[in-house]
Amino acid sequence: MQHLGLPLGNMLVLLLFSLASVALGDQCTSHVLSSGTHAGAHGIGCVKSECCQFGLQLGDLCPGSDVCCFSSDTCSGGSQTGGGGCPHIISRSEWGARAPKQHIGNMAGPAQYVFIHHGSSPPCTTKSSCIGKVKSYQDYHLDGHGWSDIGYNFVVGEDGNAYMARGWTEIGAHTYGYNSVGIAICVIGDFNNRLPNDAALNTIKQLISCGLAGGYISSSYTLKGHRDVGSTDCPGTALYNLIHSWPHYKSGTQRYG
C-alpha cells in the first residue's frame, strides 16, 4: 500500500518523526539540503549524519548513507560547507577515515567544556598534507592506544580547514575525566614556541561559534587548554598563553557547571 508515492512503512516512520519534530519544537525546521527519491517533494532534508543534530534513518528516501531529517538551522549547509557562520568542515568520508571499532555513545547534552589540544607533530598547510596528518592521528589512536576511533571531536589544520573526527555529539577520548561533558579541538602541529597561523586560529573560533549556534556547546561553556586538567604541555605554551585571553577561558582543574 502506498500514499503520495511513499510505501506504508515509510509513511509510518514519517508520522513518528513528525511527532518527534513537534516535541522538539522550534529546534526542528524543514530545510531541504539535497533531494533523494522522495525527499524534496515531501520537505525532508537529506544531510550526513555527522552534520545533523536531530537525525532519523528513513531508508530509501535519501541516497547512500545520508540521513533524512527536519534539521536545525545549523544543518542548512553550515556544518558541511562553511555557511551559517561555520568553518569549512571536511567530512570523515572526504578525509578517508577508517571505520570506528565501536561507537561509545553521545554526550547527554550540549558540551560544557571546550578543550584546546595540539597534535605535537609537524604542521600542515595544504589540504592533502593535513589529511595525511589526520589519518596518522587516527591510526595512532586506533592502533597505538587501542581506542575505538580518533580521540578528538575536530582537528584543525593550518590550511584553514576543520576535519570531522568524532563530531559534535559523540563522546571522545581526549581529556581524562571530561570526555563525556566536553569536546576537544586539536590543532595539527607543535605550538610550544609559536602560534598557529591566522587561518587555523580563525577556524577554531568559528568552530566554537558554530557549536554555540547549533546548540552543541552550552552558552555557559568553559574553555580550557588540555594542560589545565592533565600532566601535559598540550596545547603548547604559545597557544596555551593565547587562549587565556579568549572568551570563557578558566584556568585550573576546578569543574564548572
C-alpha atoms as a PDB file:
ATOM      1  CA  MET A   1       0.000   0.000   0.000  1.00  0.00           C
ATOM      2  CA  GLN A   2       1.333   3.408  -0.923  1.00  0.00           C
ATOM      3  CA  HIS A   3       0.312   7.007  -0.319  1.00  0.00           C
ATOM      4  CA  LEU A   4       1.720  10.001  -2.208  1.00  0.00           C
ATOM      5  CA  GLY A   5       4.292   7.679  -3.723  1.00  0.00           C
ATOM      6  CA  LEU A   6       5.593   6.518  -0.339  1.00  0.00           C
ATOM      7  CA  PRO A   7       5.398   2.920   0.933  1.00  0.00           C
ATOM      8  CA  LEU A   8       3.247   2.477   4.044  1.00  0.00           C
ATOM      9  CA  GLY A   9       6.290   1.634   6.165  1.00  0.00           C
ATOM     10  CA  ASN A  10       7.957   4.914   5.296  1.00  0.00           C
ATOM     11  CA  MET A  11       4.709   6.796   5.915  1.00  0.00           C
ATOM     12  CA  LEU A  12       4.596   5.365   9.441  1.00  0.00           C
ATOM     13  CA  VAL A  13       8.200   6.381  10.021  1.00  0.00           C
ATOM     14  CA  LEU A  14       7.438   9.870   8.748  1.00  0.00           C
ATOM     15  CA  LEU A  15       4.459  10.100  11.100  1.00  0.00           C
ATOM     16  CA  LEU A  16       6.603   9.103  14.064  1.00  0.00           C
ATOM     17  CA  PHE A  17       9.272  11.554  13.001  1.00  0.00           C
ATOM     18  CA  SER A  18       6.736  14.340  12.632  1.00  0.00           C
ATOM     19  CA  LEU A  19       5.623  13.728  16.216  1.00  0.00           C
ATOM     20  CA  ALA A  20       9.243  13.851  17.328  1.00  0.00           C
ATOM     21  CA  SER A  21       9.682  17.121  15.448  1.00  0.00           C
ATOM     22  CA  VAL A  22       6.704  18.637  17.252  1.00  0.00           C
ATOM     23  CA  ALA A  23       8.232  17.576  20.571  1.00  0.00           C
ATOM     24  CA  LEU A  24      11.464  19.311  19.625  1.00  0.00           C
ATOM     25  CA  GLY A  25       9.534  22.495  18.869  1.00  0.00           C
ATOM     26  CA  ASP A  26      11.311  25.348  17.132  1.00  0.00           C
ATOM     27  CA  GLN A  27      14.593  23.434  17.083  1.00  0.00           C
ATOM     28  CA  CYS A  28      13.223  21.393  14.171  1.00  0.00           C
ATOM     29  CA  THR A  29      12.542  23.316  10.983  1.00  0.00           C
ATOM     30  CA  SER A  30      12.394  21.909   7.484  1.00  0.00           C
ATOM     31  CA  HIS A  31      15.414  22.537   5.290  1.00  0.00           C
ATOM     32  CA  VAL A  32      15.835  20.588   2.080  1.00  0.00           C
ATOM     33  CA  LEU A  33      19.584  20.198   1.679  1.00  0.00           C
ATOM     34  CA  SER A  34      19.570  17.681  -1.156  1.00  0.00           C
ATOM     35  CA  SER A  35      16.828  15.713  -2.811  1.00  0.00           C
ATOM     36  CA  GLY A  36      16.560  11.959  -2.580  1.00  0.00           C
ATOM     37  CA  THR A  37      13.949   9.800  -4.237  1.00  0.00           C
ATOM     38  CA  HIS A  38      11.071  11.488  -2.418  1.00  0.00           C
ATOM     39  CA  ALA A  39      12.850  13.837  -0.048  1.00  0.00           C
ATOM     40  CA  GLY A  40      12.496  17.083  -1.951  1.00  0.00           C
ATOM     41  CA  ALA A  41       8.828  16.559  -2.666  1.00  0.00           C
ATOM     42  CA  HIS A  42       7.997  15.952   0.973  1.00  0.00           C
ATOM     43  CA  GLY A  43      10.065  18.741   2.525  1.00  0.00           C
ATOM     44  CA  ILE A  44      12.646  16.461   4.093  1.00  0.00           C
ATOM     45  CA  GLY A  45      16.286  17.474   4.220  1.00  0.00           C
ATOM     46  CA  CYS A  46      18.987  14.926   3.408  1.00  0.00           C
ATOM     47  CA  VAL A  47      22.191  15.529   5.320  1.00  0.00           C
ATOM     48  CA  LYS A  48      25.119  13.478   6.520  1.00  0.00           C
ATOM     49  CA  SER A  49      24.603  12.009   9.972  1.00  0.00           C
ATOM     50  CA  GLU A  50      27.651  13.867  11.250  1.00  0.00           C
ATOM     51  CA  CYS A  51      26.009  17.182  10.369  1.00  0.00           C
ATOM     52  CA  CYS A  52      22.500  16.816  11.644  1.00  0.00           C
ATOM     53  CA  GLN A  53      21.663  17.183  15.299  1.00  0.00           C
ATOM     54  CA  PHE A  54      18.233  15.546  15.016  1.00  0.00           C
ATOM     55  CA  GLY A  55      18.600  12.705  12.511  1.00  0.00           C
ATOM     56  CA  LEU A  56      16.483   9.700  11.671  1.00  0.00           C
ATOM     57  CA  GLN A  57      17.258   6.950   9.178  1.00  0.00           C
ATOM     58  CA  LEU A  58      14.462   6.794   6.609  1.00  0.00           C
ATOM     59  CA  GLY A  59      15.663   4.055   4.313  1.00  0.00           C
ATOM     60  CA  ASP A  60      15.415   4.779   0.604  1.00  0.00           C
ATOM     61  CA  LEU A  61      14.143   8.341   0.988  1.00  0.00           C
ATOM     62  CA  CYS A  62      17.711   9.592   0.697  1.00  0.00           C
ATOM     63  CA  PRO A  63      20.541   8.207  -1.401  1.00  0.00           C
ATOM     64  CA  GLY A  64      23.520   6.371   0.027  1.00  0.00           C
ATOM     65  CA  SER A  65      24.220   6.641   3.733  1.00  0.00           C
ATOM     66  CA  ASP A  66      22.627  10.075   4.168  1.00  0.00           C
ATOM     67  CA  VAL A  67      20.209  10.819   6.952  1.00  0.00           C
ATOM     68  CA  CYS A  68      16.836  12.443   6.322  1.00  0.00           C
ATOM     69  CA  CYS A  69      15.772  14.902   8.927  1.00  0.00           C
ATOM     70  CA  PHE A  70      13.972  18.078   9.818  1.00  0.00           C
ATOM     71  CA  SER A  71      17.231  19.768  10.614  1.00  0.00           C
ATOM     72  CA  SER A  72      18.124  22.618  12.908  1.00  0.00           C
ATOM     73  CA  ASP A  73      19.236  25.875  11.281  1.00  0.00           C
ATOM     74  CA  THR A  74      22.897  24.965  11.557  1.00  0.00           C
ATOM     75  CA  CYS A  75      22.271  21.898   9.393  1.00  0.00           C
ATOM     76  CA  SER A  76      21.237  24.036   6.440  1.00  0.00           C
ATOM     77  CA  GLY A  77      24.636  23.671   4.837  1.00  0.00           C
ATOM     78  CA  GLY A  78      26.718  25.267   7.581  1.00  0.00           C
ATOM     79  CA  SER A  79      28.490  22.308   9.121  1.00  0.00           C
ATOM     80  CA  GLN A  80      29.435  20.784   5.791  1.00  0.00           C
ATOM     81  CA  THR A  81      30.008  23.741   3.516  1.00  0.00           C
ATOM     82  CA  GLY A  82      31.152  26.580   5.715  1.00  0.00           C
ATOM     83  CA  GLY A  83      27.895  28.524   5.581  1.00  0.00           C
ATOM     84  CA  GLY A  84      25.864  29.684   8.532  1.00  0.00           C
ATOM     85  CA  GLY A  85      28.884  31.015  10.430  1.00  0.00           C
ATOM     86  CA  CYS A  86      30.642  27.633  10.480  1.00  0.00           C
ATOM     87  CA  PRO A  87      34.083  26.940   9.049  1.00  0.00           C
ATOM     88  CA  HIS A  88      34.537  24.530   6.186  1.00  0.00           C
ATOM     89  CA  ILE A  89      34.407  21.068   7.745  1.00  0.00           C
ATOM     90  CA  ILE A  90      35.952  18.155   5.880  1.00  0.00           C
ATOM     91  CA  SER A  91      33.771  15.096   6.421  1.00  0.00           C
ATOM     92  CA  ARG A  92      35.168  11.770   7.578  1.00  0.00           C
ATOM     93  CA  SER A  93      34.477  10.236   4.193  1.00  0.00           C
ATOM     94  CA  GLU A  94      36.330  13.057   2.433  1.00  0.00           C
ATOM     95  CA  TRP A  95      39.489  12.659   4.508  1.00  0.00           C
ATOM     96  CA  GLY A  96      39.267   8.873   4.316  1.00  0.00           C
ATOM     97  CA  ALA A  97      38.612   7.988   7.938  1.00  0.00           C
ATOM     98  CA  ARG A  98      38.741   4.364   8.999  1.00  0.00           C
ATOM     99  CA  ALA A  99      35.524   2.992  10.437  1.00  0.00           C
ATOM    100  CA  PRO A 100      35.428   3.190  14.250  1.00  0.00           C
ATOM    101  CA  LYS A 101      35.754  -0.061  16.149  1.00  0.00           C
ATOM    102  CA  GLN A 102      32.639   0.889  18.078  1.00  0.00           C
ATOM    103  CA  HIS A 103      30.538   3.904  18.983  1.00  0.00           C
ATOM    104  CA  ILE A 104      30.953   4.857  22.631  1.00  0.00           C
ATOM    105  CA  GLY A 105      27.753   6.890  22.742  1.00  0.00           C
ATOM    106  CA  ASN A 106      26.678  10.510  22.719  1.00  0.00           C
ATOM    107  CA  MET A 107      27.042  13.175  25.369  1.00  0.00           C
ATOM    108  CA  ALA A 108      23.915  13.672  27.468  1.00  0.00           C
ATOM    109  CA  GLY A 109      23.564  17.302  26.384  1.00  0.00           C
ATOM    110  CA  PRO A 110      25.496  20.257  24.977  1.00  0.00           C
ATOM    111  CA  ALA A 111      29.218  20.297  25.750  1.00  0.00           C
ATOM    112  CA  GLN A 112      30.003  22.114  28.984  1.00  0.00           C
ATOM    113  CA  TYR A 113      33.702  22.376  28.110  1.00  0.00           C
ATOM    114  CA  VAL A 114      35.789  23.104  25.041  1.00  0.00           C
ATOM    115  CA  PHE A 115      39.365  21.827  25.281  1.00  0.00           C
ATOM    116  CA  ILE A 116      42.151  23.040  23.026  1.00  0.00           C
ATOM    117  CA  HIS A 117      44.830  20.483  22.130  1.00  0.00           C
ATOM    118  CA  HIS A 118      47.762  20.330  19.771  1.00  0.00           C
ATOM    119  CA  GLY A 119      48.992  17.256  17.953  1.00  0.00           C
ATOM    120  CA  SER A 120      52.657  17.776  18.932  1.00  0.00           C
ATOM    121  CA  SER A 121      53.579  16.864  15.376  1.00  0.00           C
ATOM    122  CA  PRO A 122      54.935  18.541  12.261  1.00  0.00           C
ATOM    123  CA  PRO A 123      52.473  21.090  10.840  1.00  0.00           C
ATOM    124  CA  CYS A 124      50.491  21.049   7.607  1.00  0.00           C
ATOM    125  CA  THR A 125      49.419  23.927   5.386  1.00  0.00           C
ATOM    126  CA  THR A 126      47.670  22.163   2.482  1.00  0.00           C
ATOM    127  CA  LYS A 127      44.540  20.040   2.453  1.00  0.00           C
ATOM    128  CA  SER A 128      46.375  16.978   1.157  1.00  0.00           C
ATOM    129  CA  SER A 129      49.110  17.182   3.790  1.00  0.00           C
ATOM    130  CA  CYS A 130      46.599  17.848   6.560  1.00  0.00           C
ATOM    131  CA  ILE A 131      44.564  14.809   5.524  1.00  0.00           C
ATOM    132  CA  GLY A 132      47.724  12.760   5.916  1.00  0.00           C
ATOM    133  CA  LYS A 133      48.207  14.109   9.440  1.00  0.00           C
ATOM    134  CA  VAL A 134      44.605  13.451  10.467  1.00  0.00           C
ATOM    135  CA  LYS A 135      44.913   9.884   9.188  1.00  0.00           C
ATOM    136  CA  SER A 136      48.121   9.432  11.168  1.00  0.00           C
ATOM    137  CA  TYR A 137      46.393  10.668  14.330  1.00  0.00           C
ATOM    138  CA  GLN A 138      43.572   8.199  13.818  1.00  0.00           C
ATOM    139  CA  ASP A 139      45.986   5.347  13.138  1.00  0.00           C
ATOM    140  CA  TYR A 140      47.908   6.163  16.316  1.00  0.00           C
ATOM    141  CA  HIS A 141      44.761   6.292  18.435  1.00  0.00           C
ATOM    142  CA  LEU A 142      43.326   3.091  16.951  1.00  0.00           C
ATOM    143  CA  ASP A 143      46.474   1.021  16.671  1.00  0.00           C
ATOM    144  CA  GLY A 144      48.775   2.608  19.257  1.00  0.00           C
ATOM    145  CA  HIS A 145      46.299   3.222  22.057  1.00  0.00           C
ATOM    146  CA  GLY A 146      43.693   0.647  21.087  1.00  0.00           C
ATOM    147  CA  TRP A 147      40.924   3.261  21.226  1.00  0.00           C
ATOM    148  CA  SER A 148      37.662   2.920  19.333  1.00  0.00           C
ATOM    149  CA  ASP A 149      38.412   5.852  16.997  1.00  0.00           C
ATOM    150  CA  ILE A 150      40.384   9.069  16.688  1.00  0.00           C
ATOM    151  CA  GLY A 151      40.034  10.700  20.090  1.00  0.00           C
ATOM    152  CA  TYR A 152      39.271  14.320  19.212  1.00  0.00           C
ATOM    153  CA  ASN A 153      35.974  15.813  18.129  1.00  0.00           C
ATOM    154  CA  PHE A 154      37.585  18.038  15.494  1.00  0.00           C
ATOM    155  CA  VAL A 155      41.075  18.509  14.074  1.00  0.00           C
ATOM    156  CA  VAL A 156      42.154  21.851  12.617  1.00  0.00           C
ATOM    157  CA  GLY A 157      44.954  22.379  10.119  1.00  0.00           C
ATOM    158  CA  GLU A 158      46.879  25.468   9.107  1.00  0.00           C
ATOM    159  CA  ASP A 159      45.217  25.028   5.736  1.00  0.00           C
ATOM    160  CA  GLY A 160      42.187  26.638   7.414  1.00  0.00           C
ATOM    161  CA  ASN A 161      40.032  23.521   7.297  1.00  0.00           C
ATOM    162  CA  ALA A 162      38.368  21.726  10.173  1.00  0.00           C
ATOM    163  CA  TYR A 163      38.342  17.931   9.940  1.00  0.00           C
ATOM    164  CA  MET A 164      35.453  15.977  11.393  1.00  0.00           C
ATOM    165  CA  ALA A 165      36.721  13.437  13.934  1.00  0.00           C
ATOM    166  CA  ARG A 166      34.080  12.250  16.440  1.00  0.00           C
ATOM    167  CA  GLY A 167      31.923  15.265  15.696  1.00  0.00           C
ATOM    168  CA  TRP A 168      29.682  17.411  17.844  1.00  0.00           C
ATOM    169  CA  THR A 169      27.907  14.865  19.986  1.00  0.00           C
ATOM    170  CA  GLU A 170      29.877  11.636  20.309  1.00  0.00           C
ATOM    171  CA  ILE A 171      31.879  11.053  23.481  1.00  0.00           C
ATOM    172  CA  GLY A 172      35.568  11.373  22.672  1.00  0.00           C
ATOM    173  CA  ALA A 173      38.849  10.139  24.133  1.00  0.00           C
ATOM    174  CA  HIS A 174      40.843  13.305  24.628  1.00  0.00           C
ATOM    175  CA  THR A 175      40.710  14.781  28.145  1.00  0.00           C
ATOM    176  CA  TYR A 176      40.613  12.341  31.052  1.00  0.00           C
ATOM    177  CA  GLY A 177      37.619  12.928  33.300  1.00  0.00           C
ATOM    178  CA  TYR A 178      35.895  15.284  30.854  1.00  0.00           C
ATOM    179  CA  ASN A 179      35.233  13.209  27.743  1.00  0.00           C
ATOM    180  CA  SER A 180      31.508  12.885  28.415  1.00  0.00           C
ATOM    181  CA  VAL A 181      30.979  16.611  29.059  1.00  0.00           C
ATOM    182  CA  GLY A 182      33.359  18.350  26.681  1.00  0.00           C
ATOM    183  CA  ILE A 183      34.611  18.465  23.121  1.00  0.00           C
ATOM    184  CA  ALA A 184      38.224  18.687  22.014  1.00  0.00           C
ATOM    185  CA  ILE A 185      39.608  20.703  19.131  1.00  0.00           C
ATOM    186  CA  CYS A 186      43.125  19.623  18.195  1.00  0.00           C
ATOM    187  CA  VAL A 187      45.362  21.827  16.058  1.00  0.00           C
ATOM    188  CA  ILE A 188      47.848  19.982  13.877  1.00  0.00           C
ATOM    189  CA  GLY A 189      51.405  20.965  14.799  1.00  0.00           C
ATOM    190  CA  ASP A 190      53.530  21.804  17.827  1.00  0.00           C
ATOM    191  CA  PHE A 191      52.754  25.152  19.433  1.00  0.00           C
ATOM    192  CA  ASN A 192      55.166  25.402  22.318  1.00  0.00           C
ATOM    193  CA  ASN A 193      57.287  28.036  20.598  1.00  0.00           C
ATOM    194  CA  ARG A 194      54.970  29.559  18.026  1.00  0.00           C
ATOM    195  CA  LEU A 195      51.276  30.196  17.438  1.00  0.00           C
ATOM    196  CA  PRO A 196      49.144  28.536  14.773  1.00  0.00           C
ATOM    197  CA  ASN A 197      48.637  30.757  11.755  1.00  0.00           C
ATOM    198  CA  ASP A 198      45.601  33.023  11.463  1.00  0.00           C
ATOM    199  CA  ALA A 199      43.760  30.537   9.252  1.00  0.00           C
ATOM    200  CA  ALA A 200      43.865  27.888  11.972  1.00  0.00           C
ATOM    201  CA  LEU A 201      43.071  30.292  14.810  1.00  0.00           C
ATOM    202  CA  ASN A 202      40.068  31.671  12.941  1.00  0.00           C
ATOM    203  CA  THR A 203      38.822  28.142  12.267  1.00  0.00           C
ATOM    204  CA  ILE A 204      38.977  27.272  15.974  1.00  0.00           C
ATOM    205  CA  LYS A 205      36.930  30.351  16.827  1.00  0.00           C
ATOM    206  CA  GLN A 206      34.441  29.623  14.045  1.00  0.00           C
ATOM    207  CA  LEU A 207      34.026  26.047  15.265  1.00  0.00           C
ATOM    208  CA  ILE A 208      33.171  27.279  18.742  1.00  0.00           C
ATOM    209  CA  SER A 209      30.698  29.814  17.310  1.00  0.00           C
ATOM    210  CA  CYS A 210      29.184  27.120  15.109  1.00  0.00           C
ATOM    211  CA  GLY A 211      28.761  24.790  18.079  1.00  0.00           C
ATOM    212  CA  LEU A 212      27.103  27.519  20.105  1.00  0.00           C
ATOM    213  CA  ALA A 213      24.705  28.392  17.288  1.00  0.00           C
ATOM    214  CA  GLY A 214      23.779  24.758  16.771  1.00  0.00           C
ATOM    215  CA  GLY A 215      23.199  24.003  20.435  1.00  0.00           C
ATOM    216  CA  TYR A 216      26.111  21.573  20.590  1.00  0.00           C
ATOM    217  CA  ILE A 217      28.051  23.763  23.030  1.00  0.00           C
ATOM    218  CA  SER A 218      26.428  25.261  26.112  1.00  0.00           C
ATOM    219  CA  SER A 219      26.168  29.048  26.158  1.00  0.00           C
ATOM    220  CA  SER A 220      27.888  28.915  29.561  1.00  0.00           C
ATOM    221  CA  TYR A 221      30.743  26.661  28.380  1.00  0.00           C
ATOM    222  CA  THR A 222      34.203  26.767  29.912  1.00  0.00           C
ATOM    223  CA  LEU A 223      37.262  26.973  27.653  1.00  0.00           C
ATOM    224  CA  LYS A 224      40.440  25.224  28.780  1.00  0.00           C
ATOM    225  CA  GLY A 225      43.747  24.001  27.478  1.00  0.00           C
ATOM    226  CA  HIS A 226      44.473  20.306  27.890  1.00  0.00           C
ATOM    227  CA  ARG A 227      47.248  21.060  30.401  1.00  0.00           C
ATOM    228  CA  ASP A 228      44.727  22.720  32.726  1.00  0.00           C
ATOM    229  CA  VAL A 229      43.398  19.295  33.683  1.00  0.00           C
ATOM    230  CA  GLY A 230      46.263  16.915  32.881  1.00  0.00           C
ATOM    231  CA  SER A 231      50.027  16.442  33.226  1.00  0.00           C
ATOM    232  CA  THR A 232      50.966  17.527  29.715  1.00  0.00           C
ATOM    233  CA  ASP A 233      52.353  20.521  27.851  1.00  0.00           C
ATOM    234  CA  CYS A 234      49.410  20.324  25.420  1.00  0.00           C
ATOM    235  CA  PRO A 235      48.307  22.548  23.644  1.00  0.00           C
ATOM    236  CA  GLY A 236      51.800  24.024  23.645  1.00  0.00           C
ATOM    237  CA  THR A 237      52.926  27.014  25.683  1.00  0.00           C
ATOM    238  CA  ALA A 238      52.426  29.656  22.982  1.00  0.00           C
ATOM    239  CA  LEU A 239      48.884  28.535  22.141  1.00  0.00           C
ATOM    240  CA  TYR A 240      48.034  27.968  25.792  1.00  0.00           C
ATOM    241  CA  ASN A 241      49.052  31.509  26.686  1.00  0.00           C
ATOM    242  CA  LEU A 242      46.966  32.895  23.818  1.00  0.00           C
ATOM    243  CA  ILE A 243      43.694  31.195  24.811  1.00  0.00           C
ATOM    244  CA  HIS A 244      43.921  32.848  28.244  1.00  0.00           C
ATOM    245  CA  SER A 245      42.599  35.964  26.501  1.00  0.00           C
ATOM    246  CA  TRP A 246      39.713  34.184  24.740  1.00  0.00           C
ATOM    247  CA  PRO A 247      36.101  34.322  25.973  1.00  0.00           C
ATOM    248  CA  HIS A 248      35.055  31.745  28.596  1.00  0.00           C
ATOM    249  CA  TYR A 249      38.620  30.688  29.448  1.00  0.00           C
ATOM    250  CA  LYS A 250      39.119  29.496  33.037  1.00  0.00           C
ATOM    251  CA  SER A 251      42.363  28.008  34.302  1.00  0.00           C
ATOM    252  CA  GLY A 252      42.857  25.183  36.752  1.00  0.00           C
ATOM    253  CA  THR A 253      41.190  21.866  37.426  1.00  0.00           C
ATOM    254  CA  GLN A 254      38.032  23.149  39.127  1.00  0.00           C
ATOM    255  CA  ARG A 255      34.898  21.878  37.410  1.00  0.00           C
ATOM    256  CA  TYR A 256      32.215  24.341  36.390  1.00  0.00           C
ATOM    257  CA  GLY A 257      28.582  23.737  35.579  1.00  0.00           C
END
